[in-house]
Amino acid sequence: MRIIVDAMGGDNAPQAPVQGALAAIREYGVDVALVGRGEDVLAALKREGVEELPKGLEVIHASEVVEMCDNPASAFREKKDSSLTVGLNMLKSREGDAFVSAGSTGALLSAATLLTKRIKGIRRAAMAPVVPTGNGGSVLIDCGATAEGTPEFLLQFAFMGSYYAERVMGRPEPKVGLLNIGAEPSKGTDLQREAYVLLQKAKEEGRINFVGNVEAREAVEGAVDVIVADGYSGNIFLKSLEGTALFLSREIKKMFKKNLKSKLAYLLVKDGVADFKKILDSNEIGGTALLGIARPVIKAHGSSNGYAMKNAIRQAVEFTRSGLIDDITENVEYMRLPVRPAGE
């Protein structure tokens, strides 16, 4: 398997992508193509003590870089020799099995949609991170790719998230919940109420295991495996989780530093604290799958270090092997609303 990595994407590029690629080749036995400015990538390799390319690693030169300040909707067109554009074109032409980037989210989404294309019949691609919850993690779909949704979008998100939870996370018959302000079907805006009807119908047909509306509190506690949301609500949910994680980590640290007694107590529970911090650490996940794109694409966090990039490559490997895209393609007919005759 060959994973294409954007070597120039992210705050810590090219060092972090290089570190992640080297670790992934050693640990997962995959081939990696690092796409970016050749001289910068080779210099980063030298800083890691690598003078000659190891087996399984290739450097593909791309002279341009999509910057965070570039227009995300057009940057990949204006910079045709950017690491992002070159990498996605390689993915499209099947010169690799998956693409990983820590670069601009908007630019990656636009380029993946227009270059690699969506799966036929899928209306919008969605970002589907695995967020920390009481059941070991839940798929949140969407978390910001499409701010304004439609009931059909949410129906498709539910199917795709369910397939991801089952295929990639190993959750049989994953529970799917619609993020809302209450459990009753009448709760929420028109969007949630209409989506509820579609999701309930899909449940009755045996397509997905829809368990109804889920409030944010229950979602965090692990009530469902898949949290379905429009991008606006999903992004607020995600950022709230991230902020809570930072707040808790900071307060726990302050608590144990308070006095000698608390410092001694920390020695007794430090392993548990380390495990807790690991649950909240986005570097452990690695990245976010873009579901609905015709080929596997993983968006790593912009601040990813080498460890996070290695895990993003691992996630790309799991995504590719899962058969998820085939599942979506084969079942897309059940995710679409019937076309009404003109005049109805």
C-alpha atoms as a PDB file:
ATOM      1  CA  MET A   1       0.000   0.000   0.000  1.00  0.00           C
ATOM      2  CA  ARG A   2       1.234   3.474  -0.891  1.00  0.00           C
ATOM      3  CA  ILE A   3       0.139   6.542   1.083  1.00  0.00           C
ATOM      4  CA  ILE A   4       0.623   9.997  -0.433  1.00  0.00           C
ATOM      5  CA  VAL A   5       1.541  12.636   2.173  1.00  0.00           C
ATOM      6  CA  ASP A   6       1.450  16.405   1.731  1.00  0.00           C
ATOM      7  CA  ALA A   7       4.927  17.232   3.031  1.00  0.00           C
ATOM      8  CA  MET A   8       4.297  20.998   3.022  1.00  0.00           C
ATOM      9  CA  GLY A   9       0.939  21.055   4.833  1.00  0.00           C
ATOM     10  CA  GLY A  10       0.624  22.096   8.475  1.00  0.00           C
ATOM     11  CA  ASP A  11       2.337  24.313  11.019  1.00  0.00           C
ATOM     12  CA  ASN A  12       5.257  21.909  11.483  1.00  0.00           C
ATOM     13  CA  ALA A  13       5.914  21.021   7.841  1.00  0.00           C
ATOM     14  CA  PRO A  14       7.988  19.525   6.415  1.00  0.00           C
ATOM     15  CA  GLN A  15       9.539  18.094   9.599  1.00  0.00           C
ATOM     16  CA  ALA A  16       6.370  16.559  11.051  1.00  0.00           C
ATOM     17  CA  PRO A  17       5.262  14.856   7.797  1.00  0.00           C
ATOM     18  CA  VAL A  18       8.803  13.498   7.357  1.00  0.00           C
ATOM     19  CA  GLN A  19       8.894  12.154  10.916  1.00  0.00           C
ATOM     20  CA  GLY A  20       5.454  10.616  10.518  1.00  0.00           C
ATOM     21  CA  ALA A  21       6.363   9.007   7.203  1.00  0.00           C
ATOM     22  CA  LEU A  22       9.550   7.427   8.557  1.00  0.00           C
ATOM     23  CA  ALA A  23       7.717   6.056  11.592  1.00  0.00           C
ATOM     24  CA  ALA A  24       4.819   4.728   9.495  1.00  0.00           C
ATOM     25  CA  ILE A  25       7.160   2.891   7.118  1.00  0.00           C
ATOM     26  CA  ARG A  26       8.849   1.215  10.102  1.00  0.00           C
ATOM     27  CA  GLU A  27       5.702   0.385  12.066  1.00  0.00           C
ATOM     28  CA  TYR A  28       3.080  -0.317   9.407  1.00  0.00           C
ATOM     29  CA  GLY A  29       5.173  -1.585   6.514  1.00  0.00           C
ATOM     30  CA  VAL A  30       3.591   0.814   4.023  1.00  0.00           C
ATOM     31  CA  ASP A  31       5.171   2.830   1.244  1.00  0.00           C
ATOM     32  CA  VAL A  32       4.975   6.626   1.530  1.00  0.00           C
ATOM     33  CA  ALA A  33       5.300   9.289  -1.158  1.00  0.00           C
ATOM     34  CA  LEU A  34       6.209  12.669   0.341  1.00  0.00           C
ATOM     35  CA  VAL A  35       5.032  15.446  -1.973  1.00  0.00           C
ATOM     36  CA  GLY A  36       6.629  18.863  -1.591  1.00  0.00           C
ATOM     37  CA  ARG A  37       9.638  21.025  -2.286  1.00  0.00           C
ATOM     38  CA  GLY A  38      12.348  18.468  -2.815  1.00  0.00           C
ATOM     39  CA  GLU A  39      15.168  20.426  -1.214  1.00  0.00           C
ATOM     40  CA  ASP A  40      13.092  21.168   1.900  1.00  0.00           C
ATOM     41  CA  VAL A  41      11.980  17.562   2.276  1.00  0.00           C
ATOM     42  CA  LEU A  42      15.530  16.228   1.856  1.00  0.00           C
ATOM     43  CA  ALA A  43      16.799  18.759   4.405  1.00  0.00           C
ATOM     44  CA  ALA A  44      14.144  17.578   6.863  1.00  0.00           C
ATOM     45  CA  LEU A  45      15.217  13.978   6.271  1.00  0.00           C
ATOM     46  CA  LYS A  46      18.826  14.911   7.011  1.00  0.00           C
ATOM     47  CA  ARG A  47      17.739  16.470  10.306  1.00  0.00           C
ATOM     48  CA  GLU A  48      16.328  13.028  11.135  1.00  0.00           C
ATOM     49  CA  GLY A  49      19.689  11.454  10.328  1.00  0.00           C
ATOM     50  CA  VAL A  50      18.546  10.078   6.961  1.00  0.00           C
ATOM     51  CA  GLU A  51      21.092  10.622   4.177  1.00  0.00           C
ATOM     52  CA  GLU A  52      19.658   8.126   1.682  1.00  0.00           C
ATOM     53  CA  LEU A  53      15.987   7.422   1.100  1.00  0.00           C
ATOM     54  CA  PRO A  54      14.972   4.229   2.924  1.00  0.00           C
ATOM     55  CA  LYS A  55      13.079   1.483   1.157  1.00  0.00           C
ATOM     56  CA  GLY A  56       9.444   2.424   0.795  1.00  0.00           C
ATOM     57  CA  LEU A  57       9.966   6.208   0.816  1.00  0.00           C
ATOM     58  CA  GLU A  58       9.817   8.408  -2.265  1.00  0.00           C
ATOM     59  CA  VAL A  59      10.030  12.196  -2.587  1.00  0.00           C
ATOM     60  CA  ILE A  60       7.855  13.806  -5.290  1.00  0.00           C
ATOM     61  CA  HIS A  61       8.858  17.372  -6.088  1.00  0.00           C
ATOM     62  CA  ALA A  62       6.159  20.056  -6.059  1.00  0.00           C
ATOM     63  CA  SER A  63       7.427  23.627  -6.245  1.00  0.00           C
ATOM     64  CA  GLU A  64       4.467  25.466  -4.669  1.00  0.00           C
ATOM     65  CA  VAL A  65       2.759  25.516  -1.272  1.00  0.00           C
ATOM     66  CA  VAL A  66      -0.881  26.284  -0.459  1.00  0.00           C
ATOM     67  CA  GLU A  67      -0.689  28.737   2.420  1.00  0.00           C
ATOM     68  CA  MET A  68      -3.333  29.261   5.092  1.00  0.00           C
ATOM     69  CA  CYS A  69      -3.914  32.781   3.764  1.00  0.00           C
ATOM     70  CA  ASP A  70      -4.713  31.542   0.234  1.00  0.00           C
ATOM     71  CA  ASN A  71      -8.291  31.423  -1.001  1.00  0.00           C
ATOM     72  CA  PRO A  72      -9.360  27.865  -0.094  1.00  0.00           C
ATOM     73  CA  ALA A  73     -11.807  27.611  -2.992  1.00  0.00           C
ATOM     74  CA  SER A  74      -9.275  28.414  -5.695  1.00  0.00           C
ATOM     75  CA  ALA A  75      -5.778  27.869  -4.257  1.00  0.00           C
ATOM     76  CA  PHE A  76      -5.380  24.411  -5.792  1.00  0.00           C
ATOM     77  CA  ARG A  77      -6.198  25.832  -9.237  1.00  0.00           C
ATOM     78  CA  GLU A  78      -3.952  28.876  -8.890  1.00  0.00           C
ATOM     79  CA  LYS A  79      -1.089  26.767  -7.566  1.00  0.00           C
ATOM     80  CA  LYS A  80      -1.168  23.791  -9.904  1.00  0.00           C
ATOM     81  CA  ASP A  81       2.273  22.619  -8.779  1.00  0.00           C
ATOM     82  CA  SER A  82       1.469  22.777  -5.072  1.00  0.00           C
ATOM     83  CA  SER A  83       1.969  19.729  -2.871  1.00  0.00           C
ATOM     84  CA  LEU A  84      -1.800  19.629  -2.326  1.00  0.00           C
ATOM     85  CA  THR A  85      -2.728  19.676  -6.021  1.00  0.00           C
ATOM     86  CA  VAL A  86       0.025  17.315  -7.132  1.00  0.00           C
ATOM     87  CA  GLY A  87      -0.769  14.871  -4.331  1.00  0.00           C
ATOM     88  CA  LEU A  88      -4.504  14.766  -5.022  1.00  0.00           C
ATOM     89  CA  ASN A  89      -3.912  14.358  -8.753  1.00  0.00           C
ATOM     90  CA  MET A  90      -1.691  11.393  -7.914  1.00  0.00           C
ATOM     91  CA  LEU A  91      -4.504   9.956  -5.821  1.00  0.00           C
ATOM     92  CA  LYS A  92      -6.988  10.514  -8.639  1.00  0.00           C
ATOM     93  CA  SER A  93      -4.741   8.710 -11.134  1.00  0.00           C
ATOM     94  CA  ARG A  94      -4.263   5.856  -8.625  1.00  0.00           C
ATOM     95  CA  GLU A  95      -0.570   6.457  -8.063  1.00  0.00           C
ATOM     96  CA  GLY A  96      -1.340   5.967  -4.377  1.00  0.00           C
ATOM     97  CA  ASP A  97      -4.059   4.465  -2.201  1.00  0.00           C
ATOM     98  CA  ALA A  98      -4.809   7.419   0.106  1.00  0.00           C
ATOM     99  CA  PHE A  99      -3.839  11.049   0.696  1.00  0.00           C
ATOM    100  CA  VAL A 100      -2.933  12.714   4.005  1.00  0.00           C
ATOM    101  CA  SER A 101      -2.550  16.452   4.602  1.00  0.00           C
ATOM    102  CA  ALA A 102      -2.299  18.756   7.613  1.00  0.00           C
ATOM    103  CA  GLY A 103      -2.742  21.815   5.381  1.00  0.00           C
ATOM    104  CA  SER A 104      -5.680  24.171   4.920  1.00  0.00           C
ATOM    105  CA  THR A 105      -8.957  22.375   5.621  1.00  0.00           C
ATOM    106  CA  GLY A 106     -10.933  24.486   3.152  1.00  0.00           C
ATOM    107  CA  ALA A 107      -8.395  24.052   0.379  1.00  0.00           C
ATOM    108  CA  LEU A 108      -8.196  20.300   0.959  1.00  0.00           C
ATOM    109  CA  LEU A 109     -11.980  19.924   0.932  1.00  0.00           C
ATOM    110  CA  SER A 110     -12.368  22.010  -2.231  1.00  0.00           C
ATOM    111  CA  ALA A 111      -9.530  20.257  -4.045  1.00  0.00           C
ATOM    112  CA  ALA A 112     -10.645  16.763  -3.021  1.00  0.00           C
ATOM    113  CA  THR A 113     -14.205  17.511  -4.147  1.00  0.00           C
ATOM    114  CA  LEU A 114     -13.237  18.986  -7.522  1.00  0.00           C
ATOM    115  CA  LEU A 115     -10.157  16.923  -8.373  1.00  0.00           C
ATOM    116  CA  THR A 116     -10.730  13.545  -6.783  1.00  0.00           C
ATOM    117  CA  LYS A 117     -14.539  13.974  -6.966  1.00  0.00           C
ATOM    118  CA  ARG A 118     -17.337  12.868  -4.686  1.00  0.00           C
ATOM    119  CA  ILE A 119     -18.876   9.408  -4.840  1.00  0.00           C
ATOM    120  CA  LYS A 120     -21.656   9.588  -7.415  1.00  0.00           C
ATOM    121  CA  GLY A 121     -24.910  10.401  -5.662  1.00  0.00           C
ATOM    122  CA  ILE A 122     -23.328  11.894  -2.525  1.00  0.00           C
ATOM    123  CA  ARG A 123     -24.422  15.502  -2.221  1.00  0.00           C
ATOM    124  CA  ARG A 124     -21.693  16.781   0.115  1.00  0.00           C
ATOM    125  CA  ALA A 125     -18.473  15.407   1.539  1.00  0.00           C
ATOM    126  CA  ALA A 126     -18.334  15.441   5.323  1.00  0.00           C
ATOM    127  CA  MET A 127     -15.592  15.630   7.915  1.00  0.00           C
ATOM    128  CA  ALA A 128     -15.922  12.749  10.345  1.00  0.00           C
ATOM    129  CA  PRO A 129     -13.509  12.894  13.298  1.00  0.00           C
ATOM    130  CA  VAL A 130     -13.606  10.316  16.073  1.00  0.00           C
ATOM    131  CA  VAL A 131     -14.215  12.345  19.229  1.00  0.00           C
ATOM    132  CA  PRO A 132     -13.547  11.181  22.811  1.00  0.00           C
ATOM    133  CA  THR A 133     -16.722   9.882  24.459  1.00  0.00           C
ATOM    134  CA  GLY A 134     -17.642   7.483  27.231  1.00  0.00           C
ATOM    135  CA  ASN A 135     -17.885   4.505  24.871  1.00  0.00           C
ATOM    136  CA  GLY A 136     -14.304   4.767  23.623  1.00  0.00           C
ATOM    137  CA  GLY A 137     -14.971   7.349  20.915  1.00  0.00           C
ATOM    138  CA  SER A 138     -17.775   8.287  18.546  1.00  0.00           C
ATOM    139  CA  VAL A 139     -17.859   9.418  14.927  1.00  0.00           C
ATOM    140  CA  LEU A 140     -18.989  13.048  14.626  1.00  0.00           C
ATOM    141  CA  ILE A 141     -20.328  13.788  11.145  1.00  0.00           C
ATOM    142  CA  ASP A 142     -20.257  16.586   9.978  1.00  0.00           C
ATOM    143  CA  CYS A 143     -17.918  18.826  11.998  1.00  0.00           C
ATOM    144  CA  GLY A 144     -17.667  21.797   9.644  1.00  0.00           C
ATOM    145  CA  ALA A 145     -17.348  20.859   5.993  1.00  0.00           C
ATOM    146  CA  THR A 146     -20.858  22.154   5.219  1.00  0.00           C
ATOM    147  CA  ALA A 147     -22.185  24.817   7.587  1.00  0.00           C
ATOM    148  CA  GLU A 148     -25.747  24.809   6.228  1.00  0.00           C
ATOM    149  CA  GLY A 149     -27.252  21.387   5.713  1.00  0.00           C
ATOM    150  CA  THR A 150     -30.410  19.822   4.338  1.00  0.00           C
ATOM    151  CA  PRO A 151     -32.315  16.768   5.602  1.00  0.00           C
ATOM    152  CA  GLU A 152     -30.874  14.746   2.726  1.00  0.00           C
ATOM    153  CA  PHE A 153     -27.332  15.762   3.720  1.00  0.00           C
ATOM    154  CA  LEU A 154     -27.942  14.528   7.267  1.00  0.00           C
ATOM    155  CA  LEU A 155     -29.400  11.270   5.968  1.00  0.00           C
ATOM    156  CA  GLN A 156     -26.274  10.664   3.922  1.00  0.00           C
ATOM    157  CA  PHE A 157     -24.037  11.640   6.840  1.00  0.00           C
ATOM    158  CA  ALA A 158     -25.814   9.062   8.997  1.00  0.00           C
ATOM    159  CA  PHE A 159     -25.213   6.266   6.495  1.00  0.00           C
ATOM    160  CA  MET A 160     -21.567   7.202   5.933  1.00  0.00           C
ATOM    161  CA  GLY A 161     -20.861   7.612   9.641  1.00  0.00           C
ATOM    162  CA  SER A 162     -22.494   4.264  10.362  1.00  0.00           C
ATOM    163  CA  TYR A 163     -20.356   2.505   7.762  1.00  0.00           C
ATOM    164  CA  TYR A 164     -17.224   4.190   9.166  1.00  0.00           C
ATOM    165  CA  ALA A 165     -18.022   3.121  12.738  1.00  0.00           C
ATOM    166  CA  GLU A 166     -18.642  -0.450  11.616  1.00  0.00           C
ATOM    167  CA  ARG A 167     -15.849  -0.864   9.085  1.00  0.00           C
ATOM    168  CA  VAL A 168     -13.022   1.202  10.572  1.00  0.00           C
ATOM    169  CA  MET A 169     -13.827   1.229  14.296  1.00  0.00           C
ATOM    170  CA  GLY A 170     -15.180  -2.316  14.472  1.00  0.00           C
ATOM    171  CA  ARG A 171     -18.573  -1.408  15.939  1.00  0.00           C
ATOM    172  CA  PRO A 172     -21.248  -3.933  14.871  1.00  0.00           C
ATOM    173  CA  GLU A 173     -24.657  -2.315  14.284  1.00  0.00           C
ATOM    174  CA  PRO A 174     -23.428   1.099  15.462  1.00  0.00           C
ATOM    175  CA  LYS A 175     -25.955   3.299  17.253  1.00  0.00           C
ATOM    176  CA  VAL A 176     -26.704   6.453  15.256  1.00  0.00           C
ATOM    177  CA  GLY A 177     -28.022   9.565  16.996  1.00  0.00           C
ATOM    178  CA  LEU A 178     -29.125  12.946  15.637  1.00  0.00           C
ATOM    179  CA  LEU A 179     -27.564  15.809  17.621  1.00  0.00           C
ATOM    180  CA  ASN A 180     -30.427  17.908  18.960  1.00  0.00           C
ATOM    181  CA  ILE A 181     -31.650  19.949  21.928  1.00  0.00           C
ATOM    182  CA  GLY A 182     -33.979  17.229  23.175  1.00  0.00           C
ATOM    183  CA  ALA A 183     -34.930  13.590  22.727  1.00  0.00           C
ATOM    184  CA  GLU A 184     -38.439  14.147  21.361  1.00  0.00           C
ATOM    185  CA  PRO A 185     -38.961  13.971  17.555  1.00  0.00           C
ATOM    186  CA  SER A 186     -40.576  17.433  17.681  1.00  0.00           C
ATOM    187  CA  LYS A 187     -37.419  19.104  19.013  1.00  0.00           C
ATOM    188  CA  GLY A 188     -35.034  21.261  16.992  1.00  0.00           C
ATOM    189  CA  THR A 189     -35.379  23.313  13.860  1.00  0.00           C
ATOM    190  CA  ASP A 190     -37.090  22.248  10.643  1.00  0.00           C
ATOM    191  CA  LEU A 191     -33.787  20.692   9.592  1.00  0.00           C
ATOM    192  CA  GLN A 192     -33.612  18.325  12.573  1.00  0.00           C
ATOM    193  CA  ARG A 193     -37.333  17.482  12.508  1.00  0.00           C
ATOM    194  CA  GLU A 194     -37.299  16.632   8.798  1.00  0.00           C
ATOM    195  CA  ALA A 195     -34.042  14.713   9.095  1.00  0.00           C
ATOM    196  CA  TYR A 196     -35.513  12.719  11.983  1.00  0.00           C
ATOM    197  CA  VAL A 197     -38.304  11.453   9.719  1.00  0.00           C
ATOM    198  CA  LEU A 198     -35.791  10.321   7.070  1.00  0.00           C
ATOM    199  CA  LEU A 199     -33.550   8.619   9.611  1.00  0.00           C
ATOM    200  CA  GLN A 200     -36.493   6.853  11.240  1.00  0.00           C
ATOM    201  CA  LYS A 201     -37.564   5.531   7.822  1.00  0.00           C
ATOM    202  CA  ALA A 202     -34.018   4.257   7.183  1.00  0.00           C
ATOM    203  CA  LYS A 203     -34.174   2.479  10.542  1.00  0.00           C
ATOM    204  CA  GLU A 204     -37.533   0.858   9.728  1.00  0.00           C
ATOM    205  CA  GLU A 205     -36.057  -0.397   6.452  1.00  0.00           C
ATOM    206  CA  GLY A 206     -33.171  -1.956   8.382  1.00  0.00           C
ATOM    207  CA  ARG A 207     -30.542   0.283   6.785  1.00  0.00           C
ATOM    208  CA  ILE A 208     -29.100   1.951   9.912  1.00  0.00           C
ATOM    209  CA  ASN A 209     -29.472   1.559  13.683  1.00  0.00           C
ATOM    210  CA  PHE A 210     -30.992   4.988  14.347  1.00  0.00           C
ATOM    211  CA  VAL A 211     -31.774   5.458  18.058  1.00  0.00           C
ATOM    212  CA  GLY A 212     -33.300   8.942  17.834  1.00  0.00           C
ATOM    213  CA  ASN A 213     -32.219  12.389  18.926  1.00  0.00           C
ATOM    214  CA  VAL A 214     -29.252  12.711  21.259  1.00  0.00           C
ATOM    215  CA  GLU A 215     -28.365  15.732  23.358  1.00  0.00           C
ATOM    216  CA  ALA A 216     -24.743  16.857  23.585  1.00  0.00           C
ATOM    217  CA  ARG A 217     -24.423  15.656  27.172  1.00  0.00           C
ATOM    218  CA  GLU A 218     -25.554  12.122  26.328  1.00  0.00           C
ATOM    219  CA  ALA A 219     -23.377  12.098  23.222  1.00  0.00           C
ATOM    220  CA  VAL A 220     -20.289  12.874  25.322  1.00  0.00           C
ATOM    221  CA  GLU A 221     -21.280  10.159  27.796  1.00  0.00           C
ATOM    222  CA  GLY A 222     -21.208   7.655  24.924  1.00  0.00           C
ATOM    223  CA  ALA A 223     -24.891   7.054  24.207  1.00  0.00           C
ATOM    224  CA  VAL A 224     -24.246   6.575  20.482  1.00  0.00           C
ATOM    225  CA  ASP A 225     -21.462   5.471  18.148  1.00  0.00           C
ATOM    226  CA  VAL A 226     -22.317   8.032  15.461  1.00  0.00           C
ATOM    227  CA  ILE A 227     -23.294  11.658  16.145  1.00  0.00           C
ATOM    228  CA  VAL A 228     -25.046  13.159  13.112  1.00  0.00           C
ATOM    229  CA  ALA A 229     -25.019  16.946  12.814  1.00  0.00           C
ATOM    230  CA  ASP A 230     -25.017  19.780  10.329  1.00  0.00           C
ATOM    231  CA  GLY A 231     -21.556  21.300  10.024  1.00  0.00           C
ATOM    232  CA  TYR A 232     -22.461  24.380  12.065  1.00  0.00           C
ATOM    233  CA  SER A 233     -23.743  22.468  15.104  1.00  0.00           C
ATOM    234  CA  GLY A 234     -21.098  19.784  14.743  1.00  0.00           C
ATOM    235  CA  ASN A 235     -18.264  22.292  14.744  1.00  0.00           C
ATOM    236  CA  ILE A 236     -19.589  23.960  17.903  1.00  0.00           C
ATOM    237  CA  PHE A 237     -19.864  20.529  19.539  1.00  0.00           C
ATOM    238  CA  LEU A 238     -16.297  19.646  18.518  1.00  0.00           C
ATOM    239  CA  LYS A 239     -14.765  22.947  19.639  1.00  0.00           C
ATOM    240  CA  SER A 240     -16.627  22.722  22.950  1.00  0.00           C
ATOM    241  CA  LEU A 241     -15.131  19.273  23.509  1.00  0.00           C
ATOM    242  CA  GLU A 242     -11.649  20.532  22.676  1.00  0.00           C
ATOM    243  CA  GLY A 243     -12.021  23.513  25.003  1.00  0.00           C
ATOM    244  CA  THR A 244     -13.325  21.320  27.816  1.00  0.00           C
ATOM    245  CA  ALA A 245     -10.376  18.960  27.380  1.00  0.00           C
ATOM    246  CA  LEU A 246      -7.888  21.830  27.644  1.00  0.00           C
ATOM    247  CA  PHE A 247      -9.704  23.266  30.673  1.00  0.00           C
ATOM    248  CA  LEU A 248      -9.785  19.933  32.511  1.00  0.00           C
ATOM    249  CA  SER A 249      -6.131  19.202  31.772  1.00  0.00           C
ATOM    250  CA  ARG A 250      -5.104  22.616  33.055  1.00  0.00           C
ATOM    251  CA  GLU A 251      -7.219  22.368  36.219  1.00  0.00           C
ATOM    252  CA  ILE A 252      -5.991  18.862  37.039  1.00  0.00           C
ATOM    253  CA  LYS A 253      -2.403  20.045  36.650  1.00  0.00           C
ATOM    254  CA  LYS A 254      -3.060  23.006  38.978  1.00  0.00           C
ATOM    255  CA  MET A 255      -4.730  20.730  41.524  1.00  0.00           C
ATOM    256  CA  PHE A 256      -1.759  18.397  41.782  1.00  0.00           C
ATOM    257  CA  LYS A 257       0.727  21.287  42.031  1.00  0.00           C
ATOM    258  CA  LYS A 258      -1.174  22.942  44.881  1.00  0.00           C
ATOM    259  CA  ASN A 259       0.921  21.645  47.799  1.00  0.00           C
ATOM    260  CA  LEU A 260       3.198  18.854  48.942  1.00  0.00           C
ATOM    261  CA  LYS A 261       0.288  16.579  49.829  1.00  0.00           C
ATOM    262  CA  SER A 262      -1.253  16.885  46.359  1.00  0.00           C
ATOM    263  CA  LYS A 263       2.147  16.310  44.738  1.00  0.00           C
ATOM    264  CA  LEU A 264       2.502  13.080  46.699  1.00  0.00           C
ATOM    265  CA  ALA A 265      -1.018  12.104  45.673  1.00  0.00           C
ATOM    266  CA  TYR A 266      -0.055  12.633  42.048  1.00  0.00           C
ATOM    267  CA  LEU A 267       2.648   9.984  42.340  1.00  0.00           C
ATOM    268  CA  LEU A 268      -0.054   7.474  43.233  1.00  0.00           C
ATOM    269  CA  VAL A 269      -2.347   8.304  40.324  1.00  0.00           C
ATOM    270  CA  LYS A 270       0.042   9.551  37.623  1.00  0.00           C
ATOM    271  CA  ASP A 271      -0.535   6.505  35.405  1.00  0.00           C
ATOM    272  CA  GLY A 272      -4.269   7.119  35.482  1.00  0.00           C
ATOM    273  CA  VAL A 273      -3.777  10.815  34.746  1.00  0.00           C
ATOM    274  CA  ALA A 274      -1.559   9.924  31.797  1.00  0.00           C
ATOM    275  CA  ASP A 275      -4.242   7.572  30.442  1.00  0.00           C
ATOM    276  CA  PHE A 276      -6.863  10.306  30.860  1.00  0.00           C
ATOM    277  CA  LYS A 277      -4.731  12.841  28.978  1.00  0.00           C
ATOM    278  CA  LYS A 278      -4.185  10.280  26.226  1.00  0.00           C
ATOM    279  CA  ILE A 279      -7.952   9.945  25.735  1.00  0.00           C
ATOM    280  CA  LEU A 280      -8.210  13.704  25.155  1.00  0.00           C
ATOM    281  CA  ASP A 281      -5.113  13.985  22.954  1.00  0.00           C
ATOM    282  CA  SER A 282      -6.010  14.585  19.291  1.00  0.00           C
ATOM    283  CA  ASN A 283      -2.533  13.378  18.296  1.00  0.00           C
ATOM    284  CA  GLU A 284      -3.609   9.841  19.214  1.00  0.00           C
ATOM    285  CA  ILE A 285      -6.365   9.881  16.578  1.00  0.00           C
ATOM    286  CA  GLY A 286      -4.194  11.424  13.893  1.00  0.00           C
ATOM    287  CA  GLY A 287      -6.763  12.967  11.608  1.00  0.00           C
ATOM    288  CA  THR A 288     -10.257  13.287  10.243  1.00  0.00           C
ATOM    289  CA  ALA A 289     -11.633  11.232   7.364  1.00  0.00           C
ATOM    290  CA  LEU A 290     -13.325  13.108   4.531  1.00  0.00           C
ATOM    291  CA  LEU A 291     -16.277  10.854   3.845  1.00  0.00           C
ATOM    292  CA  GLY A 292     -18.077  10.982   0.523  1.00  0.00           C
ATOM    293  CA  ILE A 293     -14.912  11.531  -1.538  1.00  0.00           C
ATOM    294  CA  ALA A 294     -14.312   8.805  -4.129  1.00  0.00           C
ATOM    295  CA  ARG A 295     -10.822   8.023  -2.799  1.00  0.00           C
ATOM    296  CA  PRO A 296      -9.511   7.924   0.819  1.00  0.00           C
ATOM    297  CA  VAL A 297      -8.498  11.365   2.127  1.00  0.00           C
ATOM    298  CA  ILE A 298      -7.411  12.152   5.700  1.00  0.00           C
ATOM    299  CA  LYS A 299      -7.158  15.678   7.124  1.00  0.00           C
ATOM    300  CA  ALA A 300      -4.587  15.847   9.916  1.00  0.00           C
ATOM    301  CA  HIS A 301      -4.691  18.673  12.455  1.00  0.00           C
ATOM    302  CA  GLY A 302      -2.795  21.765  11.375  1.00  0.00           C
ATOM    303  CA  SER A 303      -0.567  21.620  14.466  1.00  0.00           C
ATOM    304  CA  SER A 304       0.224  17.917  14.039  1.00  0.00           C
ATOM    305  CA  ASN A 305       3.621  16.716  15.218  1.00  0.00           C
ATOM    306  CA  GLY A 306       5.415  13.680  13.842  1.00  0.00           C
ATOM    307  CA  TYR A 307       3.508  11.287  16.110  1.00  0.00           C
ATOM    308  CA  ALA A 308       0.170  12.678  14.959  1.00  0.00           C
ATOM    309  CA  MET A 309       1.203  12.411  11.307  1.00  0.00           C
ATOM    310  CA  LYS A 310       2.198   8.787  11.835  1.00  0.00           C
ATOM    311  CA  ASN A 311      -1.249   8.118  13.293  1.00  0.00           C
ATOM    312  CA  ALA A 312      -2.901   9.976  10.397  1.00  0.00           C
ATOM    313  CA  ILE A 313      -1.090   7.628   8.008  1.00  0.00           C
ATOM    314  CA  ARG A 314      -2.267   4.672  10.096  1.00  0.00           C
ATOM    315  CA  GLN A 315      -5.808   5.997   9.828  1.00  0.00           C
ATOM    316  CA  ALA A 316      -5.399   6.282   6.047  1.00  0.00           C
ATOM    317  CA  VAL A 317      -4.272   2.642   5.913  1.00  0.00           C
ATOM    318  CA  GLU A 318      -7.275   1.497   7.969  1.00  0.00           C
ATOM    319  CA  PHE A 319      -9.652   3.587   5.855  1.00  0.00           C
ATOM    320  CA  THR A 320      -8.252   2.138   2.626  1.00  0.00           C
ATOM    321  CA  ARG A 321      -8.455  -1.457   3.832  1.00  0.00           C
ATOM    322  CA  SER A 322     -11.955  -1.081   5.261  1.00  0.00           C
ATOM    323  CA  GLY A 323     -13.935  -1.221   2.015  1.00  0.00           C
ATOM    324  CA  LEU A 324     -15.910   1.770   3.281  1.00  0.00           C
ATOM    325  CA  ILE A 325     -16.027   3.586  -0.057  1.00  0.00           C
ATOM    326  CA  ASP A 326     -17.432   0.447  -1.709  1.00  0.00           C
ATOM    327  CA  ASP A 327     -20.132   0.271   0.986  1.00  0.00           C
ATOM    328  CA  ILE A 328     -21.160   3.860   0.357  1.00  0.00           C
ATOM    329  CA  THR A 329     -21.116   3.423  -3.420  1.00  0.00           C
ATOM    330  CA  GLU A 330     -23.224   0.266  -3.318  1.00  0.00           C
ATOM    331  CA  ASN A 331     -25.845   1.767  -0.988  1.00  0.00           C
ATOM    332  CA  VAL A 332     -26.040   5.356  -2.201  1.00  0.00           C
ATOM    333  CA  GLU A 333     -29.482   4.736  -3.723  1.00  0.00           C
ATOM    334  CA  TYR A 334     -30.899   4.369  -0.201  1.00  0.00           C
ATOM    335  CA  MET A 335     -29.406   7.712   0.847  1.00  0.00           C
ATOM    336  CA  ARG A 336     -31.188   9.848  -1.736  1.00  0.00           C
ATOM    337  CA  LEU A 337     -34.620  11.414  -1.703  1.00  0.00           C
ATOM    338  CA  PRO A 338     -36.938  10.380  -4.557  1.00  0.00           C
ATOM    339  CA  VAL A 339     -37.146  12.945  -7.343  1.00  0.00           C
ATOM    340  CA  ARG A 340     -40.645  14.400  -7.495  1.00  0.00           C
ATOM    341  CA  PRO A 341     -42.293  14.882 -10.906  1.00  0.00           C
ATOM    342  CA  ALA A 342     -42.474  18.472 -12.079  1.00  0.00           C
ATOM    343  CA  GLY A 343     -45.551  20.281 -10.855  1.00  0.00           C
ATOM    344  CA  GLU A 344     -45.908  18.393  -7.558  1.00  0.00           C
END
